[in-house]
Structure formats: C-alpha cells, structure tokens
C-alpha cells in the first residue's frame, strides 16, 4: 500500500491547500488504497525525513521501496496506473501530461506570488506596491487559460490529471475575488471540486486539522 506524508496541522489559510491534497485526490480518482503518515515540524526537519524529501516538504510517496517527492511527479506516477487520470490513447495521454505541467509551470508560477504578497507580506509597503503588477500579470495568464477552455467542461475531452492539477492550482486564489472576473474558469474549478473523489480527499486532509492541538 502507498504511504503519503502530510502535516498534522497547518495555519487556517493553508488548510485545504497543502499539496498532499493533490496526491490524495489522484489516489481517490484511481481507486487506489493508501495510508497517511502525519508529520510535525520536528519530523519535517529530521535527517531521516530529509533523506526522503531533501527540502522537508510534503508530500512524500512511499511505495514498495520507491520514494517520490514533488506533487506533480507523484500525481503523474499515480496517473500512469489508471485510465481515470490519463486517457488510453497516446495522444490523449500526452496532452493530459502537458496540462499537468502547464498547471505548475504556466499558471501556479503566476498565482503563487500573489498568495505570498497577500498572505505573508500584506502589511509591507513593497508588497502593496508590487501587488497591482502581480495581479495584472496573473489576469493576463488566466485570460489565456480561459480562452483555451472556452465552453469545454475540461481542458481536454474528459477529466484528466491535467484538470486535477489545474484545479488545485486555481484553488490557491480562494482568498481573492480574481476568478470572479473569469466565470468560465470559476465554474471549471467548482466542477472539478464537485467530483466525489475530490470531496473525499479534502475531507481526509482536513480531518487532522480539526482535532485539538496537543
């Protein structure tokens, strides 16, 4: 059985966004059983954990001696095990993988600076000055994504690992109203979030956060 590392607790602004959610969702879509290894700051900084994840982050996937880190790599590994996340035909698979990388390299890369400005440095003068430019760049990229999506339900002919990754990336904007300006993208994200596999994954991630802290 696969084991996924996750945090025992994170601040409220991060709950429901930690990247093990992407892995849990992929496993739920694939119908693959897994167990979770909850870690705290002490474990995160330990030499043993750093052997598994050099940067001390989550998630780590352990499977029969194989150790993987980086959520994109793990989701792709899981997706290769089932047609629920990657189409059977080679062209469809290639396009789905392209969208998985696009979510990380073309969309998340312009969303993350806004999250950092808003959630970590909101009171800093430099952040206030930088924010309008960050938002402008983000809206330009989201407009390009919306133009491709058009009236489609998903990025390609059916839901794939590319949609899974893209939806989790778009969720980073939940503290803003940016997606209100892109109704097709907002509806797309909500459509992905409505999937039963996502709901199960989210509930599983949130459960430890709702326990009293020791």
N, C-alpha and C. Protein backbone atom coordinates (compact mmCIF):
# COMPACT_ATOMS: atom_id res chain seq x y z
N UNK A 1 0.84 -1.20 0.00
CA UNK A 1 0.00 0.00 0.00
C UNK A 1 0.87 1.25 0.00
N UNK A 2 0.44 2.26 -0.70
CA UNK A 2 1.19 3.51 -0.74
C UNK A 2 0.99 4.31 0.54
N UNK A 3 2.05 5.01 0.92
CA UNK A 3 2.02 5.88 2.09
C UNK A 3 2.32 7.30 1.65
N UNK A 4 1.51 8.24 2.11
CA UNK A 4 1.65 9.64 1.75
C UNK A 4 1.92 10.45 3.02
N UNK A 5 2.93 11.29 2.99
CA UNK A 5 3.17 12.16 4.14
C UNK A 5 2.32 13.40 4.05
N UNK A 6 1.91 13.89 5.23
CA UNK A 6 1.07 15.09 5.31
C UNK A 6 1.32 15.73 6.67
N UNK A 7 0.96 16.99 6.79
CA UNK A 7 1.15 17.70 8.04
C UNK A 7 0.03 17.41 9.02
N UNK A 8 0.42 17.31 10.31
CA UNK A 8 -0.59 17.16 11.37
C UNK A 8 -1.42 18.43 11.50
N UNK A 9 -0.79 19.58 11.25
CA UNK A 9 -1.50 20.85 11.41
C UNK A 9 -0.81 21.91 10.57
N UNK A 10 -1.60 22.79 10.00
CA UNK A 10 -1.09 23.99 9.32
C UNK A 10 -2.02 25.14 9.68
N UNK A 11 -1.60 26.39 9.53
CA UNK A 11 -2.48 27.52 9.82
C UNK A 11 -3.73 27.49 8.94
N UNK A 12 -4.81 28.10 9.40
CA UNK A 12 -6.07 28.06 8.65
C UNK A 12 -5.97 28.48 7.20
N UNK A 13 -5.12 29.47 6.88
CA UNK A 13 -5.06 29.93 5.49
C UNK A 13 -4.52 28.86 4.55
N UNK A 14 -3.82 27.87 5.10
CA UNK A 14 -3.24 26.80 4.27
C UNK A 14 -4.06 25.52 4.29
N UNK A 15 -4.99 25.41 5.20
CA UNK A 15 -5.78 24.19 5.31
C UNK A 15 -6.64 24.02 4.06
N UNK A 16 -6.55 22.84 3.47
CA UNK A 16 -7.26 22.58 2.22
C UNK A 16 -6.46 22.93 0.99
N UNK A 17 -5.24 23.45 1.20
CA UNK A 17 -4.38 23.80 0.07
C UNK A 17 -3.05 23.05 0.07
N UNK A 18 -2.71 22.41 1.16
CA UNK A 18 -1.42 21.71 1.23
C UNK A 18 -1.36 20.67 0.12
N UNK A 19 -0.20 20.53 -0.47
CA UNK A 19 -0.07 19.79 -1.73
C UNK A 19 -0.29 18.28 -1.63
N UNK A 20 -0.33 17.74 -0.42
CA UNK A 20 -0.71 16.32 -0.33
C UNK A 20 -2.15 16.12 -0.81
N UNK A 21 -2.95 17.21 -0.84
CA UNK A 21 -4.32 17.10 -1.35
C UNK A 21 -4.32 16.61 -2.79
N UNK A 22 -3.37 17.06 -3.59
CA UNK A 22 -3.30 16.65 -4.99
C UNK A 22 -3.08 15.15 -5.09
N UNK A 23 -2.23 14.63 -4.24
CA UNK A 23 -1.91 13.20 -4.26
C UNK A 23 -3.10 12.39 -3.76
N UNK A 24 -3.70 12.83 -2.67
CA UNK A 24 -4.87 12.13 -2.15
C UNK A 24 -5.97 12.08 -3.21
N UNK A 25 -6.18 13.20 -3.90
CA UNK A 25 -7.23 13.27 -4.92
C UNK A 25 -6.93 12.29 -6.04
N UNK A 26 -5.68 12.26 -6.49
CA UNK A 26 -5.31 11.34 -7.56
C UNK A 26 -5.56 9.89 -7.14
N UNK A 27 -5.20 9.57 -5.91
CA UNK A 27 -5.40 8.21 -5.42
C UNK A 27 -6.89 7.87 -5.32
N UNK A 28 -7.69 8.84 -4.93
CA UNK A 28 -9.14 8.61 -4.85
C UNK A 28 -9.73 8.41 -6.24
N UNK A 29 -9.30 9.22 -7.21
CA UNK A 29 -9.79 9.05 -8.59
C UNK A 29 -9.38 7.70 -9.15
N UNK A 30 -8.18 7.27 -8.80
CA UNK A 30 -7.66 6.00 -9.31
C UNK A 30 -8.22 4.80 -8.56
N UNK A 31 -8.85 5.05 -7.41
CA UNK A 31 -9.38 3.94 -6.62
C UNK A 31 -8.29 3.11 -5.96
N UNK A 32 -7.19 3.74 -5.64
CA UNK A 32 -6.05 3.04 -5.04
C UNK A 32 -6.01 3.29 -3.54
N UNK A 33 -5.85 2.25 -2.74
CA UNK A 33 -5.78 2.43 -1.28
C UNK A 33 -4.46 3.09 -0.89
N UNK A 34 -4.50 3.83 0.19
CA UNK A 34 -3.28 4.47 0.68
C UNK A 34 -3.42 4.73 2.17
N UNK A 35 -2.30 4.97 2.80
CA UNK A 35 -2.30 5.37 4.20
C UNK A 35 -1.50 6.66 4.32
N UNK A 36 -1.72 7.38 5.40
CA UNK A 36 -1.11 8.69 5.58
C UNK A 36 -0.17 8.66 6.77
N UNK A 37 0.98 9.27 6.60
CA UNK A 37 1.95 9.45 7.67
C UNK A 37 1.95 10.93 8.04
N UNK A 38 1.35 11.25 9.18
CA UNK A 38 1.28 12.64 9.61
C UNK A 38 2.58 13.05 10.28
N UNK A 39 3.10 14.21 9.89
CA UNK A 39 4.37 14.68 10.44
C UNK A 39 4.19 16.07 11.05
N UNK A 40 5.09 16.41 11.97
CA UNK A 40 5.11 17.74 12.56
C UNK A 40 6.43 18.42 12.19
N UNK A 41 6.68 19.58 12.76
CA UNK A 41 7.88 20.34 12.42
C UNK A 41 9.16 19.60 12.79
N UNK A 42 9.10 18.84 13.88
CA UNK A 42 10.29 18.10 14.30
C UNK A 42 10.66 17.03 13.29
N UNK A 43 9.67 16.26 12.86
CA UNK A 43 9.92 15.24 11.84
C UNK A 43 10.36 15.89 10.54
N UNK A 44 9.70 16.98 10.18
CA UNK A 44 10.00 17.68 8.93
C UNK A 44 11.47 18.07 8.84
N UNK A 45 12.06 18.46 9.96
CA UNK A 45 13.45 18.91 9.98
C UNK A 45 14.45 17.79 10.24
N UNK A 46 13.96 16.58 10.46
CA UNK A 46 14.85 15.48 10.85
C UNK A 46 15.66 14.95 9.67
N UNK A 47 16.86 14.44 9.93
CA UNK A 47 17.68 13.85 8.87
C UNK A 47 16.97 12.71 8.14
N UNK A 48 16.21 11.91 8.88
CA UNK A 48 15.53 10.77 8.25
C UNK A 48 14.51 11.25 7.22
N UNK A 49 13.76 12.30 7.56
CA UNK A 49 12.77 12.80 6.60
C UNK A 49 13.45 13.49 5.43
N UNK A 50 14.56 14.19 5.70
CA UNK A 50 15.27 14.88 4.63
C UNK A 50 15.89 13.90 3.63
N UNK A 51 16.10 12.67 4.06
CA UNK A 51 16.56 11.65 3.12
C UNK A 51 15.46 11.31 2.11
N UNK A 52 14.23 11.43 2.56
CA UNK A 52 13.09 11.16 1.68
C UNK A 52 12.72 12.39 0.85
N UNK A 53 12.79 13.56 1.47
CA UNK A 53 12.40 14.82 0.84
C UNK A 53 13.48 15.86 1.17
N UNK A 54 14.40 16.11 0.27
CA UNK A 54 15.54 16.98 0.58
C UNK A 54 15.17 18.37 1.08
N UNK A 55 13.96 18.83 0.74
CA UNK A 55 13.55 20.18 1.10
C UNK A 55 12.61 20.21 2.30
N UNK A 56 12.32 19.03 2.85
CA UNK A 56 11.50 18.96 4.04
C UNK A 56 10.03 19.23 3.81
N UNK A 57 9.57 19.12 2.59
CA UNK A 57 8.18 19.45 2.28
C UNK A 57 7.31 18.19 2.28
N UNK A 58 6.02 18.40 2.11
CA UNK A 58 5.08 17.31 1.84
C UNK A 58 4.44 17.59 0.49
N UNK A 59 4.03 16.53 -0.18
CA UNK A 59 4.00 15.13 0.24
C UNK A 59 5.25 14.36 -0.20
N UNK A 60 5.44 13.24 0.50
CA UNK A 60 6.33 12.18 0.04
C UNK A 60 5.47 10.95 -0.20
N UNK A 61 5.72 10.26 -1.28
CA UNK A 61 5.03 8.99 -1.55
C UNK A 61 6.02 7.85 -1.40
N UNK A 62 5.66 6.87 -0.60
CA UNK A 62 6.46 5.66 -0.45
C UNK A 62 5.64 4.47 -0.94
N UNK A 63 6.26 3.68 -1.81
CA UNK A 63 5.55 2.53 -2.39
C UNK A 63 6.55 1.42 -2.71
N UNK A 64 6.54 0.37 -1.91
CA UNK A 64 7.38 -0.81 -2.17
C UNK A 64 8.83 -0.43 -2.42
N UNK A 65 9.38 0.43 -1.58
CA UNK A 65 10.77 0.81 -1.70
C UNK A 65 11.00 2.03 -2.59
N UNK A 66 10.02 2.40 -3.39
CA UNK A 66 10.13 3.61 -4.21
C UNK A 66 9.73 4.81 -3.38
N UNK A 67 10.54 5.87 -3.43
CA UNK A 67 10.26 7.11 -2.72
C UNK A 67 10.22 8.24 -3.74
N UNK A 68 9.09 8.95 -3.76
CA UNK A 68 8.94 10.08 -4.67
C UNK A 68 8.56 11.33 -3.89
N UNK A 69 9.02 12.49 -4.36
CA UNK A 69 8.56 13.76 -3.83
C UNK A 69 8.23 14.67 -5.00
N UNK A 70 7.65 15.82 -4.70
CA UNK A 70 7.07 16.77 -5.65
C UNK A 70 5.69 16.26 -6.11
N UNK A 71 4.68 17.07 -5.81
CA UNK A 71 3.31 16.63 -6.06
C UNK A 71 3.05 16.32 -7.53
N UNK A 72 3.65 17.09 -8.44
CA UNK A 72 3.43 16.82 -9.86
C UNK A 72 3.96 15.46 -10.27
N UNK A 73 5.16 15.13 -9.80
CA UNK A 73 5.75 13.84 -10.12
C UNK A 73 4.93 12.69 -9.53
N UNK A 74 4.43 12.90 -8.33
CA UNK A 74 3.66 11.84 -7.68
C UNK A 74 2.32 11.64 -8.38
N UNK A 75 1.65 12.73 -8.71
CA UNK A 75 0.37 12.61 -9.42
C UNK A 75 0.57 11.92 -10.76
N UNK A 76 1.63 12.26 -11.46
CA UNK A 76 1.90 11.60 -12.74
C UNK A 76 2.16 10.11 -12.55
N UNK A 77 2.88 9.76 -11.51
CA UNK A 77 3.15 8.34 -11.20
C UNK A 77 1.83 7.60 -10.96
N UNK A 78 0.94 8.20 -10.19
CA UNK A 78 -0.34 7.57 -9.92
C UNK A 78 -1.19 7.50 -11.19
N UNK A 79 -1.18 8.58 -11.96
CA UNK A 79 -1.99 8.64 -13.17
C UNK A 79 -1.61 7.56 -14.16
N UNK A 80 -0.34 7.21 -14.19
CA UNK A 80 0.13 6.17 -15.11
C UNK A 80 -0.42 4.79 -14.77
N UNK A 81 -1.05 4.68 -13.62
CA UNK A 81 -1.58 3.40 -13.18
C UNK A 81 -3.04 3.20 -13.59
N UNK A 82 -3.70 4.24 -14.13
CA UNK A 82 -5.13 4.11 -14.40
C UNK A 82 -5.58 5.04 -15.51
N UNK A 83 -6.62 4.63 -16.22
CA UNK A 83 -7.18 5.45 -17.28
C UNK A 83 -8.11 6.53 -16.74
N UNK A 84 -8.38 6.51 -15.45
CA UNK A 84 -9.23 7.54 -14.86
C UNK A 84 -8.55 8.91 -14.88
N UNK A 85 -7.23 8.92 -14.98
CA UNK A 85 -6.47 10.17 -14.95
C UNK A 85 -5.67 10.42 -16.22
N UNK A 86 -5.39 9.39 -16.97
CA UNK A 86 -4.70 9.54 -18.26
C UNK A 86 -5.42 8.69 -19.29
N UNK A 87 -5.81 9.27 -20.42
CA UNK A 87 -6.52 8.50 -21.46
C UNK A 87 -5.69 7.33 -21.97
N UNK A 88 -6.37 6.37 -22.55
CA UNK A 88 -5.68 5.18 -23.05
C UNK A 88 -4.85 5.47 -24.30
N UNK A 89 -5.33 6.40 -25.15
CA UNK A 89 -4.59 6.67 -26.38
C UNK A 89 -3.38 7.55 -26.10
N UNK A 90 -2.30 7.34 -26.83
CA UNK A 90 -1.04 8.00 -26.56
C UNK A 90 -1.13 9.51 -26.73
N UNK A 91 -1.87 9.98 -27.72
CA UNK A 91 -2.01 11.42 -27.94
C UNK A 91 -2.76 12.07 -26.78
N UNK A 92 -3.82 11.41 -26.34
CA UNK A 92 -4.59 11.94 -25.21
C UNK A 92 -3.76 11.98 -23.94
N UNK A 93 -2.97 10.94 -23.73
CA UNK A 93 -2.10 10.91 -22.56
C UNK A 93 -1.09 12.06 -22.61
N UNK A 94 -0.51 12.26 -23.76
CA UNK A 94 0.49 13.31 -23.91
C UNK A 94 -0.11 14.69 -23.64
N UNK A 95 -1.32 14.92 -24.13
CA UNK A 95 -1.96 16.22 -23.89
C UNK A 95 -2.29 16.41 -22.41
N UNK A 96 -2.73 15.35 -21.76
CA UNK A 96 -3.04 15.44 -20.34
C UNK A 96 -1.79 15.76 -19.53
N UNK A 97 -0.69 15.13 -19.88
CA UNK A 97 0.58 15.41 -19.19
C UNK A 97 1.02 16.85 -19.45
N UNK A 98 0.80 17.32 -20.67
CA UNK A 98 1.13 18.71 -20.99
C UNK A 98 0.38 19.67 -20.07
N UNK A 99 -0.91 19.40 -19.83
CA UNK A 99 -1.69 20.27 -18.98
C UNK A 99 -1.26 20.16 -17.52
N UNK A 100 -0.84 18.99 -17.10
CA UNK A 100 -0.32 18.85 -15.75
C UNK A 100 0.88 19.78 -15.55
N UNK A 101 1.79 19.78 -16.51
CA UNK A 101 2.96 20.65 -16.40
C UNK A 101 2.58 22.12 -16.58
N UNK A 102 1.61 22.39 -17.44
CA UNK A 102 1.17 23.77 -17.63
C UNK A 102 0.59 24.35 -16.34
N UNK A 103 -0.14 23.53 -15.60
CA UNK A 103 -0.70 24.00 -14.33
C UNK A 103 0.40 24.45 -13.39
N UNK A 104 1.49 23.71 -13.36
CA UNK A 104 2.59 24.02 -12.45
C UNK A 104 3.50 25.11 -12.98
N UNK A 105 3.81 25.06 -14.27
CA UNK A 105 4.85 25.93 -14.83
C UNK A 105 4.33 27.21 -15.48
N UNK A 106 3.05 27.22 -15.86
CA UNK A 106 2.50 28.41 -16.52
C UNK A 106 1.44 29.13 -15.68
N UNK A 107 0.76 28.40 -14.79
CA UNK A 107 -0.30 29.02 -14.00
C UNK A 107 0.11 29.20 -12.54
N UNK A 108 0.55 28.14 -11.89
CA UNK A 108 0.92 28.28 -10.48
C UNK A 108 2.03 29.31 -10.29
N UNK A 109 2.92 29.38 -11.25
CA UNK A 109 4.06 30.29 -11.14
C UNK A 109 3.63 31.75 -11.12
N UNK A 110 2.45 32.07 -11.67
CA UNK A 110 1.96 33.45 -11.61
C UNK A 110 0.92 33.65 -10.50
N UNK A 111 0.39 32.57 -9.95
CA UNK A 111 -0.54 32.66 -8.82
C UNK A 111 0.22 32.77 -7.51
N UNK A 112 1.28 32.01 -7.36
CA UNK A 112 1.99 31.94 -6.10
C UNK A 112 2.50 33.29 -5.61
N UNK A 113 3.03 34.17 -6.49
CA UNK A 113 3.48 35.48 -6.00
C UNK A 113 2.35 36.28 -5.35
N UNK A 114 1.13 36.17 -5.87
CA UNK A 114 0.01 36.88 -5.26
C UNK A 114 -0.31 36.31 -3.88
N UNK A 115 -0.28 35.00 -3.77
CA UNK A 115 -0.53 34.37 -2.47
C UNK A 115 0.52 34.80 -1.45
N UNK A 116 1.76 34.87 -1.88
CA UNK A 116 2.84 35.28 -0.97
C UNK A 116 2.66 36.72 -0.52
N UNK A 117 2.35 37.62 -1.47
CA UNK A 117 2.14 39.02 -1.14
C UNK A 117 0.97 39.18 -0.16
N UNK A 118 -0.13 38.50 -0.44
CA UNK A 118 -1.34 38.68 0.36
C UNK A 118 -1.27 37.99 1.72
N UNK A 119 -0.69 36.81 1.77
CA UNK A 119 -0.77 36.00 2.97
C UNK A 119 0.43 36.16 3.91
N UNK A 120 1.54 36.61 3.38
CA UNK A 120 2.75 36.71 4.21
C UNK A 120 3.28 38.13 4.37
N UNK A 121 3.01 38.99 3.40
CA UNK A 121 3.63 40.31 3.43
C UNK A 121 2.63 41.45 3.21
N UNK A 122 1.38 41.21 3.51
CA UNK A 122 0.34 42.18 3.17
C UNK A 122 0.58 43.56 3.76
N UNK A 123 1.24 43.65 4.91
CA UNK A 123 1.44 44.94 5.57
C UNK A 123 2.73 45.63 5.15
N UNK A 124 3.53 44.96 4.34
CA UNK A 124 4.79 45.55 3.89
C UNK A 124 4.53 46.52 2.75
N UNK A 125 5.21 47.67 2.79
CA UNK A 125 4.99 48.68 1.77
C UNK A 125 5.37 48.17 0.38
N UNK A 126 6.47 47.41 0.30
CA UNK A 126 6.90 46.91 -1.01
C UNK A 126 5.85 45.96 -1.59
N UNK A 127 5.18 45.21 -0.72
CA UNK A 127 4.15 44.27 -1.19
C UNK A 127 2.95 45.03 -1.74
N UNK A 128 2.57 46.11 -1.07
CA UNK A 128 1.45 46.92 -1.55
C UNK A 128 1.76 47.52 -2.92
N UNK A 129 3.01 47.90 -3.13
CA UNK A 129 3.41 48.47 -4.41
C UNK A 129 3.49 47.40 -5.50
N UNK A 130 3.86 46.20 -5.12
CA UNK A 130 4.06 45.13 -6.10
C UNK A 130 2.75 44.48 -6.53
N UNK A 131 1.76 44.48 -5.64
CA UNK A 131 0.54 43.70 -5.87
C UNK A 131 -0.16 44.02 -7.19
N UNK A 132 -0.35 45.29 -7.56
CA UNK A 132 -1.06 45.55 -8.82
C UNK A 132 -0.38 44.92 -10.03
N UNK A 133 0.93 44.94 -10.08
CA UNK A 133 1.64 44.32 -11.20
C UNK A 133 1.49 42.81 -11.19
N UNK A 134 1.50 42.22 -10.01
CA UNK A 134 1.31 40.77 -9.88
C UNK A 134 -0.07 40.38 -10.38
N UNK A 135 -1.08 41.15 -9.97
CA UNK A 135 -2.46 40.85 -10.38
C UNK A 135 -2.61 41.01 -11.89
N UNK A 136 -2.00 42.04 -12.45
CA UNK A 136 -2.10 42.27 -13.89
C UNK A 136 -1.51 41.10 -14.68
N UNK A 137 -0.34 40.64 -14.26
CA UNK A 137 0.29 39.50 -14.94
C UNK A 137 -0.56 38.25 -14.80
N UNK A 138 -1.12 38.06 -13.62
CA UNK A 138 -1.94 36.89 -13.36
C UNK A 138 -3.19 36.90 -14.24
N UNK A 139 -3.85 38.04 -14.32
CA UNK A 139 -5.08 38.13 -15.12
C UNK A 139 -4.80 37.88 -16.59
N UNK A 140 -3.66 38.33 -17.06
CA UNK A 140 -3.31 38.07 -18.46
C UNK A 140 -3.19 36.57 -18.71
N UNK A 141 -2.53 35.86 -17.81
CA UNK A 141 -2.35 34.42 -17.97
C UNK A 141 -3.66 33.68 -17.81
N UNK A 142 -4.48 34.10 -16.85
CA UNK A 142 -5.78 33.45 -16.68
C UNK A 142 -6.68 33.68 -17.89
N UNK A 143 -6.56 34.84 -18.51
CA UNK A 143 -7.32 35.10 -19.73
C UNK A 143 -6.95 34.14 -20.84
N UNK A 144 -5.67 33.82 -20.91
CA UNK A 144 -5.21 32.86 -21.93
C UNK A 144 -5.75 31.47 -21.63
N UNK A 145 -5.76 31.10 -20.36
CA UNK A 145 -6.31 29.80 -19.98
C UNK A 145 -7.81 29.74 -20.27
N UNK A 146 -8.51 30.81 -19.93
CA UNK A 146 -9.95 30.86 -20.18
C UNK A 146 -10.27 30.78 -21.67
N UNK A 147 -9.43 31.40 -22.48
CA UNK A 147 -9.65 31.36 -23.93
C UNK A 147 -9.54 29.94 -24.45
N UNK A 148 -8.59 29.17 -23.92
CA UNK A 148 -8.47 27.77 -24.34
C UNK A 148 -9.67 26.95 -23.86
N UNK A 149 -10.03 27.15 -22.61
CA UNK A 149 -11.12 26.34 -22.04
C UNK A 149 -12.43 26.59 -22.79
N UNK A 150 -12.71 27.85 -23.10
CA UNK A 150 -13.95 28.17 -23.80
C UNK A 150 -15.15 27.61 -23.07
N UNK A 151 -15.97 26.87 -23.80
CA UNK A 151 -17.18 26.27 -23.21
C UNK A 151 -16.97 24.80 -22.85
N UNK A 152 -15.73 24.34 -22.90
CA UNK A 152 -15.47 22.94 -22.55
C UNK A 152 -15.74 22.69 -21.06
N UNK A 153 -16.05 21.46 -20.74
CA UNK A 153 -16.16 21.08 -19.33
C UNK A 153 -14.77 20.95 -18.72
N UNK A 154 -13.84 20.38 -19.50
CA UNK A 154 -12.49 20.15 -19.01
C UNK A 154 -11.50 20.62 -20.07
N UNK A 155 -10.22 20.58 -19.73
CA UNK A 155 -9.19 21.11 -20.63
C UNK A 155 -9.07 20.29 -21.91
N UNK A 156 -9.37 19.00 -21.81
CA UNK A 156 -9.42 18.13 -22.98
C UNK A 156 -10.80 17.48 -23.04
N UNK A 157 -10.91 16.35 -23.70
CA UNK A 157 -12.22 15.75 -23.92
C UNK A 157 -12.86 15.16 -22.66
N UNK A 158 -12.04 14.88 -21.67
CA UNK A 158 -12.54 14.32 -20.42
C UNK A 158 -11.65 14.78 -19.28
N UNK A 159 -12.08 14.54 -18.07
CA UNK A 159 -11.28 14.88 -16.89
C UNK A 159 -10.00 14.06 -16.89
N UNK A 160 -8.87 14.72 -16.64
CA UNK A 160 -7.57 14.03 -16.58
C UNK A 160 -6.75 14.57 -15.42
N UNK A 161 -5.57 14.02 -15.28
CA UNK A 161 -4.63 14.51 -14.27
C UNK A 161 -4.29 15.98 -14.50
N UNK A 162 -4.37 16.43 -15.73
CA UNK A 162 -4.14 17.85 -16.01
C UNK A 162 -5.18 18.73 -15.36
N UNK A 163 -6.44 18.31 -15.39
CA UNK A 163 -7.50 19.06 -14.73
C UNK A 163 -7.34 19.01 -13.21
N UNK A 164 -6.97 17.86 -12.71
CA UNK A 164 -6.76 17.71 -11.27
C UNK A 164 -5.73 18.73 -10.80
N UNK A 165 -4.60 18.80 -11.50
CA UNK A 165 -3.55 19.72 -11.09
C UNK A 165 -3.99 21.17 -11.28
N UNK A 166 -4.65 21.46 -12.41
CA UNK A 166 -5.06 22.83 -12.68
C UNK A 166 -6.06 23.32 -11.63
N UNK A 167 -7.00 22.48 -11.25
CA UNK A 167 -8.00 22.88 -10.27
C UNK A 167 -7.36 23.17 -8.92
N UNK A 168 -6.41 22.34 -8.50
CA UNK A 168 -5.75 22.59 -7.22
C UNK A 168 -4.94 23.86 -7.26
N UNK A 169 -4.37 24.19 -8.40
CA UNK A 169 -3.63 25.44 -8.54
C UNK A 169 -4.58 26.63 -8.47
N UNK A 170 -5.70 26.56 -9.17
CA UNK A 170 -6.66 27.67 -9.14
C UNK A 170 -7.23 27.89 -7.75
N UNK A 171 -7.29 26.82 -6.94
CA UNK A 171 -7.81 26.95 -5.58
C UNK A 171 -6.95 27.86 -4.71
N UNK A 172 -5.70 28.06 -5.08
CA UNK A 172 -4.82 28.94 -4.31
C UNK A 172 -5.38 30.36 -4.27
N UNK A 173 -6.21 30.70 -5.23
CA UNK A 173 -6.80 32.04 -5.32
C UNK A 173 -8.03 32.21 -4.44
N UNK A 174 -8.34 31.26 -3.61
CA UNK A 174 -9.61 31.28 -2.88
C UNK A 174 -9.71 32.49 -1.94
N UNK A 175 -8.60 33.08 -1.53
CA UNK A 175 -8.65 34.24 -0.63
C UNK A 175 -8.90 35.54 -1.40
N UNK A 176 -9.04 35.45 -2.72
CA UNK A 176 -9.23 36.62 -3.56
C UNK A 176 -10.54 36.50 -4.34
N UNK A 177 -10.87 37.56 -5.07
CA UNK A 177 -12.02 37.51 -5.97
C UNK A 177 -11.57 37.50 -7.44
N UNK A 178 -10.32 37.14 -7.67
CA UNK A 178 -9.77 37.20 -9.02
C UNK A 178 -10.57 36.35 -10.00
N UNK A 179 -10.97 35.16 -9.59
CA UNK A 179 -11.69 34.28 -10.51
C UNK A 179 -13.08 34.78 -10.85
N UNK A 180 -13.59 35.73 -10.08
CA UNK A 180 -14.90 36.29 -10.42
C UNK A 180 -14.87 36.97 -11.79
N UNK A 181 -13.68 37.42 -12.18
CA UNK A 181 -13.55 38.04 -13.49
C UNK A 181 -13.42 37.05 -14.63
N UNK A 182 -13.39 35.76 -14.28
CA UNK A 182 -13.26 34.70 -15.28
C UNK A 182 -14.29 33.62 -14.96
N UNK A 183 -15.56 33.89 -15.25
CA UNK A 183 -16.62 32.97 -14.83
C UNK A 183 -16.47 31.56 -15.36
N UNK A 184 -15.93 31.39 -16.55
CA UNK A 184 -15.77 30.02 -17.06
C UNK A 184 -14.72 29.26 -16.26
N UNK A 185 -13.66 29.95 -15.84
CA UNK A 185 -12.64 29.30 -15.02
C UNK A 185 -13.17 29.00 -13.62
N UNK A 186 -13.94 29.92 -13.08
CA UNK A 186 -14.53 29.69 -11.76
C UNK A 186 -15.46 28.49 -11.80
N UNK A 187 -16.29 28.40 -12.83
CA UNK A 187 -17.20 27.26 -12.96
C UNK A 187 -16.42 25.97 -13.18
N UNK A 188 -15.34 26.05 -13.94
CA UNK A 188 -14.50 24.88 -14.17
C UNK A 188 -13.90 24.38 -12.86
N UNK A 189 -13.35 25.28 -12.06
CA UNK A 189 -12.78 24.88 -10.77
C UNK A 189 -13.84 24.24 -9.89
N UNK A 190 -15.00 24.86 -9.83
CA UNK A 190 -16.08 24.32 -8.99
C UNK A 190 -16.56 22.97 -9.49
N UNK A 191 -16.56 22.78 -10.81
CA UNK A 191 -16.95 21.50 -11.39
C UNK A 191 -15.95 20.41 -10.96
N UNK A 192 -14.69 20.74 -10.98
CA UNK A 192 -13.67 19.77 -10.55
C UNK A 192 -13.80 19.48 -9.05
N UNK A 193 -14.04 20.53 -8.27
CA UNK A 193 -14.16 20.36 -6.82
C UNK A 193 -15.40 19.55 -6.44
N UNK A 194 -16.39 19.53 -7.31
CA UNK A 194 -17.63 18.78 -7.02
C UNK A 194 -17.46 17.28 -7.19
N UNK A 195 -16.36 16.85 -7.79
CA UNK A 195 -16.15 15.43 -8.00
C UNK A 195 -16.06 14.71 -6.65
N UNK A 196 -16.72 13.56 -6.51
CA UNK A 196 -16.70 12.84 -5.23
C UNK A 196 -15.29 12.52 -4.75
N UNK A 197 -14.37 12.20 -5.67
CA UNK A 197 -13.01 11.88 -5.27
C UNK A 197 -12.33 13.08 -4.63
N UNK A 198 -12.58 14.27 -5.16
CA UNK A 198 -12.01 15.47 -4.54
C UNK A 198 -12.58 15.68 -3.15
N UNK A 199 -13.88 15.52 -3.01
CA UNK A 199 -14.52 15.73 -1.72
C UNK A 199 -13.97 14.78 -0.67
N UNK A 200 -13.73 13.53 -1.07
CA UNK A 200 -13.15 12.57 -0.12
C UNK A 200 -11.73 12.97 0.26
N UNK A 201 -10.96 13.39 -0.72
CA UNK A 201 -9.57 13.79 -0.46
C UNK A 201 -9.51 15.01 0.45
N UNK A 202 -10.36 15.99 0.19
CA UNK A 202 -10.37 17.20 1.01
C UNK A 202 -10.78 16.88 2.44
N UNK A 203 -11.81 16.07 2.61
CA UNK A 203 -12.25 15.70 3.95
C UNK A 203 -11.14 14.98 4.71
N UNK A 204 -10.41 14.12 4.01
CA UNK A 204 -9.33 13.38 4.65
C UNK A 204 -8.20 14.31 5.08
N UNK A 205 -7.88 15.30 4.24
CA UNK A 205 -6.82 16.23 4.63
C UNK A 205 -7.25 17.09 5.81
N UNK A 206 -8.49 17.53 5.80
CA UNK A 206 -8.97 18.45 6.83
C UNK A 206 -9.16 17.78 8.19
N UNK A 207 -9.40 16.48 8.20
CA UNK A 207 -9.75 15.80 9.46
C UNK A 207 -8.71 16.03 10.57
N UNK A 208 -7.41 15.86 10.32
CA UNK A 208 -6.45 16.08 11.42
C UNK A 208 -6.42 17.52 11.91
N UNK A 209 -6.68 18.47 11.02
CA UNK A 209 -6.64 19.88 11.41
C UNK A 209 -7.76 20.24 12.37
N UNK A 210 -8.80 19.42 12.38
CA UNK A 210 -9.94 19.70 13.22
C UNK A 210 -9.83 19.08 14.61
N UNK A 211 -8.74 18.35 14.83
CA UNK A 211 -8.50 17.75 16.14
C UNK A 211 -7.84 18.77 17.06
N UNK A 212 -8.11 18.70 18.36
CA UNK A 212 -7.44 19.62 19.30
C UNK A 212 -5.93 19.47 19.23
N UNK A 213 -5.22 20.57 19.25
CA UNK A 213 -3.76 20.52 19.19
C UNK A 213 -3.20 20.17 20.56
N UNK A 214 -2.19 19.30 20.55
CA UNK A 214 -1.58 18.87 21.84
C UNK A 214 -0.78 20.01 22.44
